[in-house]
Amino acid sequence: MIEVTQLQKMVDQNTLIDIPSLTVAGGEITAVAGLSTIHKETFVQLLTGQTTPTAGQIRLAGLTPHVERTLYAQKVGFLPAEDGLYDRLTTRQNLEFFCRLYGLPLTRAAELLVLVGLQDQARTRVQELSPELARRLALGRTILHQPQLLILVDPFKNSSPSSAELISKMLHQQAANGAAILIIADE
């Protein structure tokens, strides 16, 4: 599902990314950790198609990210470092908004609230959520459309041990359902 071959990204004659090979098959969870901020940002930009490689190739769910944008959005779930939620909407309204974007039934929002353990927060505005709960909601939005592949930047950020355990269980369930998962973490 994730295939990176001879990937390089150079900026101003500086090599920021040099990855000979990285493969993550469906059902696998792999983490890349310890990248400096600039290297991490560049790697994420390459994986999301925001920039093109200097050399090499990236294939995600059989797609080239910077070329096949529409199909990429359908097959890949991306959790950025920032939650990217609408603060004035409730947790349910956030998920329902994305259900409409993906053409999903609104009942999927209720399913995800249960999955991320926020069913009791359905009417709470995002701006009133703790950072920990907002991160769980952002992860729920990422898996809403049941993508084949997940790219997650710091998914455990702001997590208490109980939230980290819930997120870990969710990720293992996604992998058990066949998703390929790449976690990009600070440590």
Protein backbone atom coordinates (compact mmCIF):
# COMPACT_ATOMS: atom_id res chain seq x y z
CA MET A 1 0.00 0.00 0.00
CA ILE A 2 2.87 2.39 0.79
CA GLU A 3 5.85 2.06 -1.49
CA VAL A 4 8.75 4.49 -1.33
CA THR A 5 11.68 3.77 -3.63
CA GLN A 6 14.95 5.73 -3.88
CA LEU A 7 13.15 8.82 -2.56
CA GLN A 8 15.16 12.04 -2.43
CA LYS A 9 14.21 15.63 -1.90
CA MET A 10 16.83 18.32 -2.30
CA VAL A 11 16.36 22.01 -1.58
CA ASP A 12 19.13 24.52 -2.34
CA GLN A 13 21.59 21.66 -2.86
CA ASN A 14 20.80 20.24 0.60
CA THR A 15 19.41 16.73 0.82
CA LEU A 16 16.42 16.83 3.15
CA ILE A 17 15.07 13.36 2.44
CA ASP A 18 16.98 10.28 1.32
CA ILE A 19 15.04 7.04 1.78
CA PRO A 20 16.26 4.05 -0.23
CA SER A 21 13.15 1.97 0.47
CA LEU A 22 10.07 1.96 2.70
CA THR A 23 7.16 -0.42 2.31
CA VAL A 24 4.04 -0.72 4.46
CA ALA A 25 1.59 -3.42 3.40
CA GLY A 26 -2.10 -3.56 4.20
CA GLY A 27 -2.56 -4.67 7.80
CA GLU A 28 0.80 -3.25 8.92
CA ILE A 29 1.60 -0.35 11.22
CA THR A 30 4.98 1.31 10.72
CA ALA A 31 6.45 4.37 12.40
CA VAL A 32 9.10 6.82 11.29
CA ALA A 33 10.48 8.73 14.26
CA GLY A 34 13.23 11.16 15.13
CA LEU A 35 13.07 13.43 12.08
CA SER A 36 13.94 17.08 12.66
CA THR A 37 11.12 19.55 12.05
CA ILE A 38 12.21 20.46 8.51
CA HIS A 39 12.77 16.83 7.53
CA LYS A 40 9.44 15.79 9.01
CA GLU A 41 7.58 18.60 7.23
CA THR A 42 9.27 17.76 3.93
CA PHE A 43 8.47 14.06 4.27
CA VAL A 44 4.82 14.86 5.00
CA GLN A 45 4.69 17.24 2.01
CA LEU A 46 6.04 14.47 -0.22
CA LEU A 47 3.55 11.90 1.11
CA THR A 48 0.61 14.25 0.68
CA GLY A 49 1.59 15.44 -2.79
CA GLN A 50 2.25 19.03 -1.76
CA THR A 51 5.74 18.78 -3.25
CA THR A 52 7.39 16.51 -5.78
CA PRO A 53 10.44 14.34 -5.18
CA THR A 54 13.78 15.34 -6.63
CA ALA A 55 14.33 11.65 -7.37
CA GLY A 56 12.60 8.37 -6.69
CA GLN A 57 9.00 7.41 -6.39
CA ILE A 58 6.14 7.37 -3.90
CA ARG A 59 3.12 5.14 -4.43
CA LEU A 60 0.29 5.23 -1.91
CA ALA A 61 -2.59 2.81 -2.46
CA GLY A 62 -1.26 2.49 -6.01
CA LEU A 63 -1.36 6.25 -6.60
CA THR A 64 1.23 8.96 -7.07
CA PRO A 65 0.22 11.63 -4.50
CA HIS A 66 1.10 14.76 -6.45
CA VAL A 67 -0.57 13.48 -9.64
CA GLU A 68 -3.80 11.72 -8.66
CA ARG A 69 -5.21 14.12 -6.05
CA THR A 70 -8.91 13.15 -6.19
CA LEU A 71 -8.35 9.41 -5.91
CA TYR A 72 -5.71 10.07 -3.26
CA ALA A 73 -8.26 11.88 -1.08
CA GLN A 74 -10.64 8.92 -1.38
CA LYS A 75 -8.09 6.22 -0.52
CA VAL A 76 -5.82 7.94 2.00
CA GLY A 77 -6.68 9.27 5.45
CA PHE A 78 -4.30 11.99 6.61
CA LEU A 79 -4.00 13.27 10.18
CA PRO A 80 -1.82 16.40 10.22
CA ALA A 81 0.09 17.66 13.24
CA GLU A 82 -2.66 20.23 13.84
CA ASP A 83 -6.19 18.95 14.39
CA GLY A 84 -7.82 21.10 11.69
CA LEU A 85 -11.27 21.06 13.26
CA TYR A 86 -13.98 23.72 13.13
CA ASP A 87 -13.94 25.24 16.63
CA ARG A 88 -17.46 26.68 16.55
CA LEU A 89 -19.08 23.44 15.47
CA THR A 90 -19.90 20.60 17.84
CA THR A 91 -18.08 17.31 17.63
CA ARG A 92 -21.06 15.77 15.81
CA GLN A 93 -21.35 18.73 13.42
CA ASN A 94 -17.64 18.45 12.55
CA LEU A 95 -18.03 14.80 11.59
CA GLU A 96 -21.32 15.40 9.79
CA PHE A 97 -19.67 18.15 7.73
CA PHE A 98 -17.03 15.67 6.56
CA CYS A 99 -19.69 13.00 5.97
CA ARG A 100 -21.31 15.39 3.51
CA LEU A 101 -17.97 16.06 1.80
CA TYR A 102 -17.36 12.34 1.33
CA GLY A 103 -20.97 11.56 0.42
CA LEU A 104 -21.39 9.36 3.49
CA PRO A 105 -24.58 8.87 5.49
CA LEU A 106 -24.75 11.12 8.54
CA THR A 107 -25.13 8.02 10.70
CA ARG A 108 -21.40 7.46 10.11
CA ALA A 109 -20.73 10.50 12.34
CA ALA A 110 -22.53 8.86 15.26
CA GLU A 111 -20.57 5.62 14.68
CA LEU A 112 -17.28 7.51 14.80
CA LEU A 113 -18.20 9.39 17.97
CA VAL A 114 -18.63 6.01 19.67
CA LEU A 115 -15.41 4.67 18.15
CA VAL A 116 -13.33 7.62 19.43
CA GLY A 117 -15.12 7.62 22.79
CA LEU A 118 -16.79 11.00 22.36
CA GLN A 119 -20.47 10.05 22.18
CA ASP A 120 -21.02 11.94 25.46
CA GLN A 121 -19.45 15.03 23.84
CA ALA A 122 -21.65 15.05 20.70
CA ARG A 123 -23.11 18.51 21.50
CA THR A 124 -19.88 20.02 22.80
CA ARG A 125 -18.26 22.68 20.64
CA VAL A 126 -14.73 21.80 19.61
CA GLN A 127 -13.38 24.98 21.22
CA GLU A 128 -14.57 23.60 24.57
CA LEU A 129 -12.82 20.23 24.19
CA SER A 130 -9.53 19.46 25.86
CA PRO A 131 -6.61 19.07 23.42
CA GLU A 132 -6.68 15.35 24.13
CA LEU A 133 -10.33 14.97 23.09
CA ALA A 134 -9.86 17.22 20.06
CA ARG A 135 -7.04 14.94 18.88
CA ARG A 136 -9.31 11.91 19.15
CA LEU A 137 -11.98 13.74 17.14
CA ALA A 138 -9.41 14.65 14.47
CA LEU A 139 -8.41 10.99 14.24
CA GLY A 140 -12.08 10.06 13.89
CA ARG A 141 -12.38 12.50 11.00
CA THR A 142 -9.31 10.90 9.41
CA ILE A 143 -10.83 7.41 9.36
CA LEU A 144 -14.41 8.56 8.64
CA HIS A 145 -14.34 7.46 4.98
CA GLN A 146 -12.65 4.12 5.79
CA PRO A 147 -9.46 4.78 3.79
CA GLN A 148 -7.14 1.99 2.67
CA LEU A 149 -4.13 3.83 3.97
CA LEU A 150 -3.51 6.14 6.94
CA ILE A 151 -0.73 8.70 7.29
CA LEU A 152 -0.73 9.98 10.86
CA VAL A 153 1.49 12.78 12.15
CA ASP A 154 1.90 12.53 15.92
CA PRO A 155 -1.44 10.74 16.52
CA PHE A 156 -0.72 10.42 20.26
CA LYS A 157 -0.03 14.13 20.76
CA ASN A 158 -1.75 15.51 23.91
CA SER A 159 -2.87 12.00 24.91
CA SER A 160 -3.29 10.71 28.41
CA PRO A 161 -2.54 7.02 28.94
CA SER A 162 -6.23 6.16 28.52
CA SER A 163 -6.51 8.13 25.27
CA ALA A 164 -3.28 6.62 23.97
CA GLU A 165 -4.69 3.16 24.69
CA LEU A 166 -7.96 3.98 22.90
CA ILE A 167 -6.06 5.38 19.89
CA SER A 168 -3.77 2.36 19.82
CA LYS A 169 -6.77 0.00 19.81
CA MET A 170 -8.37 2.02 17.00
CA LEU A 171 -5.20 1.84 14.90
CA HIS A 172 -4.82 -1.89 15.46
CA GLN A 173 -8.46 -2.36 14.43
CA GLN A 174 -7.87 -0.32 11.26
CA ALA A 175 -4.84 -2.49 10.48
CA ALA A 176 -6.85 -5.66 11.18
CA ASN A 177 -9.36 -4.38 8.63
CA GLY A 178 -6.56 -4.19 6.05
CA ALA A 179 -5.41 -0.57 6.26
CA ALA A 180 -1.72 0.25 5.87
CA ILE A 181 -0.71 2.73 8.58
CA LEU A 182 2.31 5.02 8.61
CA ILE A 183 2.91 7.00 11.78
CA ILE A 184 5.30 9.94 11.65
CA ALA A 185 6.30 10.81 15.20
CA ASP A 186 8.73 13.07 17.04
CA GLU A 187 10.05 10.28 19.25
